[in-house]
Each structure stands twice: as C-alpha cells, then as structure tokens.
Protein backbone atom coordinates (compact mmCIF):
# COMPACT_ATOMS: atom_id res chain seq x y z
CA UNK A 1 -61.51 33.81 128.42
CA UNK A 2 -59.22 34.71 125.55
CA UNK A 3 -55.45 35.06 125.90
CA UNK A 4 -54.18 38.64 125.91
CA UNK A 5 -52.62 39.57 122.57
CA UNK A 6 -49.18 41.14 122.26
CA UNK A 7 -50.81 44.58 121.69
CA UNK A 8 -52.68 44.35 124.93
CA UNK A 9 -49.30 43.74 126.82
CA UNK A 10 -47.64 46.88 125.58
CA UNK A 11 -46.62 49.28 128.26
CA UNK A 12 -49.04 52.13 128.65
CA UNK A 13 -47.88 55.81 128.93
CA UNK A 14 -48.17 55.16 132.71
CA UNK A 15 -45.90 52.09 132.61
CA UNK A 16 -43.08 52.13 135.14
CA UNK A 17 -39.96 54.00 134.08
CA UNK A 18 -38.03 50.74 134.49
CA UNK A 19 -40.07 49.12 131.79
CA UNK A 20 -39.37 51.78 129.34
CA UNK A 21 -35.75 51.95 130.10
CA UNK A 22 -35.48 48.31 129.44
CA UNK A 23 -37.31 48.66 126.12
CA UNK A 24 -34.74 51.36 125.04
CA UNK A 25 -31.89 49.28 126.31
CA UNK A 26 -32.92 46.01 124.44
CA UNK A 27 -33.74 48.04 121.25
CA UNK A 28 -30.19 49.50 121.37
CA UNK A 29 -28.68 46.00 121.89
CA UNK A 30 -30.67 44.68 118.99
CA UNK A 31 -29.50 47.50 116.65
CA UNK A 32 -25.91 46.99 117.60
CA UNK A 33 -26.23 43.25 117.00
CA UNK A 34 -27.84 43.55 113.58
CA UNK A 35 -25.31 46.27 112.59
CA UNK A 36 -22.44 44.03 113.63
CA UNK A 37 -23.70 40.88 111.81
CA UNK A 38 -24.06 42.89 108.59
CA UNK A 39 -20.71 44.54 109.08
CA UNK A 40 -18.88 41.23 109.64
CA UNK A 41 -20.43 39.68 106.45
CA UNK A 42 -19.64 42.74 104.33
CA UNK A 43 -16.11 42.90 105.41
CA UNK A 44 -15.38 39.29 104.41
CA UNK A 45 -13.93 40.16 101.05
CA UNK A 46 -10.83 38.52 99.50
CA UNK A 47 -8.22 39.86 97.13
CA UNK A 48 -5.34 37.76 95.60
CA UNK A 49 -2.05 39.79 95.94
CA UNK A 50 0.15 40.20 93.03
CA UNK A 51 3.10 38.88 95.09
CA UNK A 52 2.37 36.68 98.02
CA UNK A 53 3.92 38.00 101.24
CA UNK A 54 5.92 35.98 103.57
CA UNK A 55 4.00 35.38 106.75
CA UNK A 56 5.42 34.99 110.25
CA UNK A 57 2.93 33.07 112.49
CA UNK A 58 3.84 34.07 116.00
CA UNK A 59 2.57 32.31 119.15
CA UNK A 60 3.29 32.26 122.83
CA UNK A 61 3.37 28.88 124.75
CA UNK A 62 3.46 28.39 128.48
CA UNK A 63 2.36 24.88 129.58
CA UNK A 64 0.51 24.38 126.18
CA UNK A 65 1.53 20.87 125.30
CA UNK A 66 -2.01 19.61 124.71
CA UNK A 67 -2.94 22.65 122.61
CA UNK A 68 0.25 22.55 120.58
CA UNK A 69 -0.49 18.88 119.61
CA UNK A 70 -3.50 20.36 117.74
CA UNK A 71 -2.12 23.70 116.62
CA UNK A 72 1.24 22.71 115.17
CA UNK A 73 -0.08 20.01 112.70
CA UNK A 74 -2.63 22.42 111.42
CA UNK A 75 0.12 25.07 110.76
CA UNK A 76 2.65 22.63 109.23
CA UNK A 77 -0.09 21.27 106.93
CA UNK A 78 -0.64 24.69 105.25
CA UNK A 79 -0.38 24.83 101.42
CA UNK A 80 0.94 28.34 101.82
CA UNK A 81 4.63 28.12 101.06
CA UNK A 82 5.89 31.54 102.26
CA UNK A 83 5.49 30.99 105.97
CA UNK A 84 7.55 30.67 109.10
CA UNK A 85 6.19 29.60 112.39
CA UNK A 86 7.78 31.05 115.56
CA UNK A 87 6.73 29.69 118.96
CA UNK A 88 8.11 31.26 122.15
CA UNK A 89 8.23 28.63 124.97
CA UNK A 90 7.83 30.91 128.05
CA UNK A 91 9.39 28.70 130.72
CA UNK A 92 6.94 25.82 130.41
CA UNK A 93 7.24 23.05 133.04
CA UNK A 94 4.98 20.55 131.20
CA UNK A 95 5.62 18.56 127.97
CA UNK A 96 5.67 21.79 125.77
CA UNK A 97 9.35 21.32 124.82
CA UNK A 98 8.89 17.68 123.96
CA UNK A 99 5.85 18.42 121.72
CA UNK A 100 7.78 21.11 119.98
CA UNK A 101 10.62 18.71 119.40
CA UNK A 102 8.15 16.05 117.98
CA UNK A 103 7.03 18.53 115.42
CA UNK A 104 10.39 19.82 114.30
CA UNK A 105 10.25 21.05 110.81
CA UNK A 106 12.07 23.58 108.58
CA UNK A 107 9.08 25.96 108.85
CA UNK A 108 9.12 25.92 112.71
CA UNK A 109 11.42 27.94 114.86
CA UNK A 110 11.39 27.57 118.64
CA UNK A 111 12.49 30.34 121.02
CA UNK A 112 13.00 29.42 124.66
CA UNK A 113 12.69 31.85 127.67
CA UNK A 114 12.59 31.53 131.41
CA UNK A 115 9.76 33.90 132.15
CA UNK A 116 9.31 37.65 131.59
CA UNK A 117 11.68 40.29 132.95
CA UNK A 118 10.40 42.72 135.67
CA UNK A 119 7.69 44.88 134.42
CA UNK A 120 6.54 42.59 131.63
CA UNK A 121 3.55 40.19 131.41
CA UNK A 122 4.49 36.63 130.06
CA UNK A 123 2.48 36.71 126.92
CA UNK A 124 3.36 40.21 125.91
CA UNK A 125 7.05 39.59 126.48
CA UNK A 126 6.81 36.31 124.53
CA UNK A 127 5.26 38.03 121.51
CA UNK A 128 7.61 40.92 121.63
CA UNK A 129 10.56 38.52 121.50
CA UNK A 130 8.99 36.53 118.71
CA UNK A 131 8.64 39.66 116.57
CA UNK A 132 12.28 40.45 117.15
CA UNK A 133 13.08 37.05 115.54
CA UNK A 134 10.47 37.26 112.80
CA UNK A 135 11.45 37.79 109.12
CA UNK A 136 8.11 37.86 107.42
CA UNK A 137 6.32 40.72 105.65
CA UNK A 138 3.11 40.07 107.57
CA UNK A 139 2.68 38.97 111.16
CA UNK A 140 -0.15 36.60 112.21
CA UNK A 141 -0.48 36.38 116.02
CA UNK A 142 -2.21 33.17 117.19
CA UNK A 143 -2.82 31.83 120.65
CA UNK A 144 -1.68 28.32 121.35
CA UNK A 145 -5.30 27.10 121.70
CA UNK A 146 -5.83 28.00 118.02
CA UNK A 147 -6.19 25.61 115.05
CA UNK A 148 -6.37 26.40 111.33
CA UNK A 149 -9.33 24.53 109.91
CA UNK A 150 -7.96 23.38 106.57
CA UNK A 151 -4.75 23.63 104.49
CA UNK A 152 -5.97 26.69 102.63
CA UNK A 153 -6.89 28.67 105.72
CA UNK A 154 -3.73 30.77 105.93
CA UNK A 155 -4.00 31.65 102.24
CA UNK A 156 -7.62 32.91 102.77
CA UNK A 157 -6.52 34.87 105.70
CA UNK A 158 -3.68 36.54 103.61
CA UNK A 159 -6.36 37.41 100.96
CA UNK A 160 -8.78 38.91 103.53
CA UNK A 161 -5.87 41.03 104.85
CA UNK A 162 -4.86 42.10 101.38
CA UNK A 163 -8.35 43.09 100.61
CA UNK A 164 -8.24 45.73 103.40
CA UNK A 165 -6.41 49.06 103.27
CA UNK A 166 -2.66 49.00 103.10
CA UNK A 167 -2.41 49.84 106.80
CA UNK A 168 -5.14 47.51 107.95
CA UNK A 169 -5.02 45.66 111.28
CA UNK A 170 -6.97 42.58 110.77
CA UNK A 171 -8.77 40.78 113.61
CA UNK A 172 -11.55 38.24 113.63
CA UNK A 173 -14.32 36.38 115.24
CA UNK A 174 -13.12 32.67 115.20
CA UNK A 175 -15.13 29.56 115.89
CA UNK A 176 -15.01 28.73 119.64
CA UNK A 177 -14.77 25.05 120.39
CA UNK A 178 -14.32 22.96 123.39
CA UNK A 179 -16.21 22.72 126.71
CA UNK A 180 -18.05 25.18 129.10
CA UNK A 181 -20.32 26.40 126.33
CA UNK A 182 -22.61 28.15 128.61
CA UNK A 183 -19.76 30.53 129.77
CA UNK A 184 -17.66 30.53 126.48
CA UNK A 185 -20.80 31.63 124.48
CA UNK A 186 -20.87 34.84 126.45
CA UNK A 187 -17.59 35.94 124.57
CA UNK A 188 -19.05 36.37 121.09
CA UNK A 189 -22.32 37.59 122.64
CA UNK A 190 -20.40 40.45 124.38
CA UNK A 191 -18.46 41.08 121.12
CA UNK A 192 -21.61 41.26 119.04
CA UNK A 193 -23.93 43.20 121.31
CA UNK A 194 -21.37 45.23 123.34
CA UNK A 195 -19.43 47.03 120.77
CA UNK A 196 -20.76 48.63 117.44
CA UNK A 197 -18.05 47.52 115.10
CA UNK A 198 -19.03 49.80 112.28
CA UNK A 199 -18.10 52.80 114.41
CA UNK A 200 -14.61 51.32 115.16
CA UNK A 201 -13.50 52.24 111.65
CA UNK A 202 -15.68 55.41 111.28
CA UNK A 203 -14.80 57.27 114.49
CA UNK A 204 -11.57 58.62 116.03
CA UNK A 205 -12.45 57.58 119.57
CA UNK A 206 -9.80 54.95 120.66
CA UNK A 207 -12.22 53.64 123.26
CA UNK A 208 -14.40 52.35 120.46
CA UNK A 209 -11.80 49.72 119.37
CA UNK A 210 -10.85 46.13 120.45
CA UNK A 211 -8.46 43.59 119.21
CA UNK A 212 -9.03 39.82 119.54
CA UNK A 213 -5.60 38.69 120.79
CA UNK A 214 -6.46 35.07 119.85
CA UNK A 215 -5.83 35.95 116.17
CA UNK A 216 -4.80 39.16 114.41
CA UNK A 217 -2.74 40.26 111.42
CA UNK A 218 -0.60 43.26 110.74
CA UNK A 219 2.18 44.21 108.27
CA UNK A 220 5.60 43.79 109.78
CA UNK A 221 6.63 47.30 108.98
CA UNK A 222 3.69 48.77 110.67
CA UNK A 223 4.12 46.70 113.66
CA UNK A 224 7.67 47.86 114.14
CA UNK A 225 6.73 51.48 113.50
CA UNK A 226 4.48 51.32 116.51
CA UNK A 227 5.89 48.33 118.59
CA UNK A 228 2.48 47.84 120.43
CA UNK A 229 3.83 45.02 122.82
CA UNK A 230 6.81 47.08 123.84
CA UNK A 231 4.59 49.99 124.43
CA UNK A 232 2.35 48.04 126.78
CA UNK A 233 4.64 45.52 128.58
CA UNK A 234 2.65 45.01 131.68
CA UNK A 235 -0.91 44.74 130.25
CA UNK A 236 -2.71 41.54 131.11
CA UNK A 237 -5.52 42.51 128.90
CA UNK A 238 -3.07 43.36 126.02
CA UNK A 239 -5.27 42.87 123.07
CA UNK A 240 -7.86 45.41 124.16
CA UNK A 241 -5.19 47.92 125.02
CA UNK A 242 -3.22 47.40 121.88
CA UNK A 243 -6.44 47.72 119.84
CA UNK A 244 -7.03 51.19 121.33
CA UNK A 245 -3.35 52.13 121.07
CA UNK A 246 -3.29 51.26 117.34
CA UNK A 247 -6.58 53.07 116.58
CA UNK A 248 -5.29 56.25 118.41
CA UNK A 249 -2.43 56.08 115.77
CA UNK A 250 -4.78 55.80 112.77
CA UNK A 251 -4.93 52.01 112.72
CA UNK A 252 -8.43 50.85 113.69
CA UNK A 253 -8.68 47.06 113.89
CA UNK A 254 -10.95 45.69 111.24
CA UNK A 255 -13.09 42.79 112.48
CA UNK A 256 -14.23 40.04 110.15
CA UNK A 257 -15.75 36.54 110.44
CA UNK A 258 -12.94 34.01 110.42
CA UNK A 259 -14.85 30.93 111.70
CA UNK A 260 -14.21 29.02 108.48
CA UNK A 261 -10.47 29.55 108.99
CA UNK A 262 -9.76 29.30 112.69
CA UNK A 263 -10.90 27.28 115.59
CA UNK A 264 -10.21 28.39 119.22
CA UNK A 265 -10.28 25.61 122.02
CA UNK A 266 -10.57 28.11 124.86
CA UNK A 267 -11.32 25.70 127.82
CA UNK A 268 -12.00 22.00 128.01
CA UNK A 269 -14.21 22.09 131.14
CA UNK A 270 -16.20 24.59 133.30
CA UNK A 271 -13.49 24.79 136.06
CA UNK A 272 -10.79 25.80 133.59
CA UNK A 273 -13.30 28.33 131.98
CA UNK A 274 -14.19 29.85 135.31
CA UNK A 275 -10.52 30.28 136.35
CA UNK A 276 -9.59 31.78 133.01
CA UNK A 277 -12.49 34.16 132.83
CA UNK A 278 -11.95 35.13 136.49
CA UNK A 279 -8.61 36.54 135.53
CA UNK A 280 -10.06 38.74 132.67
CA UNK A 281 -13.59 39.66 133.67
CA UNK A 282 -12.76 42.49 136.21
CA UNK A 283 -10.25 43.93 133.62
CA UNK A 284 -12.65 43.89 130.84
CA UNK A 285 -15.04 45.80 132.94
CA UNK A 286 -12.54 48.61 133.40
CA UNK A 287 -10.03 47.44 135.84
CA UNK A 288 -11.01 49.82 138.64
CA UNK A 289 -13.76 49.79 141.26
CA UNK A 290 -15.80 52.65 139.80
CA UNK A 291 -15.69 51.28 136.29
CA UNK A 292 -16.58 47.77 137.43
CA UNK A 293 -19.53 49.03 139.51
CA UNK A 294 -20.89 50.93 136.47
CA UNK A 295 -20.45 48.03 134.02
CA UNK A 296 -21.69 45.53 136.49
CA UNK A 297 -24.85 47.64 137.06
CA UNK A 298 -25.42 47.93 133.31
CA UNK A 299 -25.04 44.07 132.82
CA UNK A 300 -27.32 43.36 135.80
CA UNK A 301 -29.92 45.88 134.45
CA UNK A 302 -29.89 44.54 130.87
CA UNK A 303 -29.56 40.82 131.37
CA UNK A 304 -30.47 39.74 134.87
CA UNK A 305 -33.40 42.03 135.95
CA UNK A 306 -35.49 41.85 132.72
CA UNK A 307 -36.99 38.36 133.16
CA UNK A 308 -38.40 39.43 136.50
CA UNK A 309 -40.11 42.49 134.85
CA UNK A 310 -41.86 40.94 131.97
CA UNK A 311 -42.04 37.73 129.96
CA UNK A 312 -41.46 39.84 126.80
CA UNK A 313 -38.08 40.81 128.15
CA UNK A 314 -37.30 37.13 128.75
CA UNK A 315 -38.08 36.49 125.09
CA UNK A 316 -35.88 39.40 124.19
CA UNK A 317 -32.98 37.86 126.09
CA UNK A 318 -33.57 34.48 124.41
CA UNK A 319 -33.58 36.26 121.01
CA UNK A 320 -30.43 38.19 121.55
CA UNK A 321 -28.59 35.14 122.76
CA UNK A 322 -30.02 32.91 120.03
CA UNK A 323 -28.82 35.23 117.33
CA UNK A 324 -25.32 35.51 118.63
CA UNK A 325 -25.08 31.74 119.27
CA UNK A 326 -26.34 31.13 115.68
CA UNK A 327 -23.85 33.66 114.18
CA UNK A 328 -20.92 32.20 116.28
CA UNK A 329 -21.69 28.55 115.64
CA UNK A 330 -22.92 27.28 119.08
CA UNK A 331 -25.60 24.58 119.10
CA UNK A 332 -29.10 25.38 119.70
CA UNK A 333 -29.24 23.87 123.12
CA UNK A 334 -26.90 26.62 124.33
CA UNK A 335 -29.49 29.30 123.57
CA UNK A 336 -32.21 27.49 125.59
CA UNK A 337 -30.13 28.25 128.69
CA UNK A 338 -29.57 31.90 127.86
CA UNK A 339 -30.90 33.07 131.35
CA UNK A 340 -28.50 30.63 133.13
CA UNK A 341 -25.54 31.87 130.92
CA UNK A 342 -26.19 35.45 131.94
CA UNK A 343 -26.54 34.51 135.56
CA UNK A 344 -23.27 32.67 135.49
CA UNK A 345 -21.68 35.62 133.84
CA UNK A 346 -23.03 37.91 136.57
CA UNK A 347 -21.69 35.54 139.25
CA UNK A 348 -18.33 35.33 137.53
CA UNK A 349 -17.96 39.16 137.40
CA UNK A 350 -18.51 39.29 141.25
CA UNK A 351 -15.88 36.51 141.74
CA UNK A 352 -13.44 38.21 139.38
CA UNK A 353 -13.75 41.58 141.24
CA UNK A 354 -13.10 40.02 144.61
CA UNK A 355 -10.22 37.92 143.28
CA UNK A 356 -8.54 41.02 142.10
CA UNK A 357 -9.42 43.16 145.11
CA UNK A 358 -7.81 40.59 147.37
CA UNK A 359 -4.75 40.13 145.22
CA UNK A 360 -5.40 36.37 144.55
CA UNK A 361 -5.63 36.60 140.70
CA UNK A 362 -3.17 34.05 139.06
CA UNK A 363 -2.74 32.62 135.67
CA UNK A 364 -0.34 29.95 134.39
CA UNK A 365 1.10 29.80 137.84
CA UNK A 366 1.98 33.53 137.95
CA UNK A 367 0.27 36.31 139.89
CA UNK A 368 -1.92 38.81 138.03
CA UNK A 369 -1.28 42.14 139.66
CA UNK A 370 -3.54 45.29 139.32
CA UNK A 371 -2.77 48.91 139.38
CA UNK A 372 -5.98 50.27 140.78
CA UNK A 373 -5.17 53.93 140.63
CA UNK A 374 -4.59 53.98 136.84
CA UNK A 375 -7.04 51.17 135.91
CA UNK A 376 -4.28 49.26 134.25
CA UNK A 377 -2.93 45.81 135.00
CA UNK A 378 0.57 44.63 134.99
C-alpha cells in the first residue's frame, strides 16, 4: 500500500471548519513572519554622522551585581569616545554598590536611590532620574542584563540610529543568551509572528507599536519634549506603553536586528525565567480579564490545538518556531521542542493570570499591583 501524498491529505470542501480556520491562521502567521524578517534586514542600514553625538547610556540597577560585572566592562571598553554611562542604583541590597565601585571610571556616573516614590514603578523612576542627570545628545536605554558584544558596537548603534529619520526612535532585536531557552525563545517568536513590524511605521494606529525596553535609542531633545517615563510612572510594562505613547505622537519605534551588537542575558535558569515571565505575561496579554481570555484563546487555538488536528499543523508549528529560532540565534535543538515550548507558554499564561488575580505578583522584592478596571498596571 502506498503512502498518502500531501495532495491527498488536503482538506476537502467538506473539511471541518476548524481545519480551515487553522489553515488561515497559520498562513497569516507565516506572512507576518516573512514580512518581519525582510523588514528587519532592510532596516539595518548605517550612516556615519558628520559630527558624532554624545551618547548617554542609561541603565537601572536593583540587585544586579552579577549582571553589572558583565555589562560595565563591555561599556567601558567601547572605542566610542563621546559617551557617558549613568547607572541608577535603585535601593539594591546585594553587591551592586560594590561592583559599581570596582568599575569606577571617568565615563561612569552612579546615582543612588532608596526606591521609587508613591505612584512610580522602580525601573520607570530610575530611568526618569537618569535622564534628568544625562548630558548626551542621544540616549541609549539598556537593561542591566545587557552586554555590548565588541568595542565598536556603540559606534554601529549610533550609525544605525543616524541612518533613520531625524525623529526616529530606534529599538531592536538583541541576541538572547543564558538559560531557560525553551521559554526565552518564545520572546522573539512572539515578536516575529505576533506583530507586523512593517505596519508599525506605515499606520497611525498606536496599538500597532511596541518598544523593546531592553535596548532603545532616542534623541535627548525628543525625549524631553515628550517625557515618556514621567507620562507613565506606574507602568510595569513600560516599554510597550511608551512605544504606543510615542507612536501616537508621530514617533513610531523602528525595529532593527541588533544581535551583532547586543547580548541580553535574561535568565540563568528555568525558575528565574518562570518568575520573571509570570510577572509580565498577563500584562502582555492585555492586563484585564477580558483581554487575557481573548489572547489566551487565540494562543491556545494557534499553537496548542493544531498538533491534535493534523500532522501537517504540527509541521507548521515546527516550521514557524524553527524560523524564529534561526533568525534570533537559538540552537537547532530548541526548535525540536517547539510543542513543549508552546505548552510551557500556555501554562505560564495561566499561572501569570492567577498570580495577578490573587495579588501575589512580585518582582525584585516589590509587589506588582494591577489596576483591573483600566487594564493598566502600576
């Protein structure tokens, strides 16, 4: 008996509605993915400025001693001369202060705080205070778990930013390193299949915008004209909110591939990753019960149900995950466990929702509160 060919397995006109809906959904995801990959590559143009701007690298730090041991040397090693590095120590109770002292240098300025005032989230307040002390022409916001990959990385980032429009807000897809790859790989996967980036700069809808808070650049004058952190002091998911805020004011974030310039070491192990994503997952899915249910149902429909409907959809899931893993630099073995990654993502969403609903969400030793009626966090 001969094996059935792919043609013989195609749904007939009488195939279940579910099958056809999945075909449409996966085709749409593939179109978005291909469009985003092409977009990221085309946007990666560099232009040397006639006069190099002074860059202020701004970073928040709360209990980030281990990460700062990696970040600070990479910043201090930059060949770019017109740079100041400002780290805001947000009431750390680990060795953060000692690490900052060990790396004391003329380029490095340390600001110290004892936690945010009422109505502010720690990271948002830290970055707001850092911008008040900054003197650069351009601001580069970097999380403490970042690392510049070579001594010319900052120069290339300035060239990428200069190649965009005068009022460009530049953000990027960095190389994600560290542990918990089955979970962490879902981050670029969501970025590449969940939001059509070409439409971010071609439409006026602020909901079609996002900012990667791990790394983004903006001219200082533009920043202070709009003061995005002061405008959203109580946002836990501040990068998404700021991205939409800036786009509504005619400054859509431009996403490029910065994997050659920036590493991000998000989490060292699965436990840390689970706790970190648990804080954000519910907020990323809307931050209200209704929005969560809608996004949760869509995720379940697109990534959890398909393997049980047809082997072809299982192959589709493998293909989508393999492409995003390849583009974002994850090893091939991660793609082999694509169904497990999506199942973990599904379970994480449930855990995140219950954590927020029961008021148990915490991060860096501080509670993460939720304002359910408005869909915003604080």
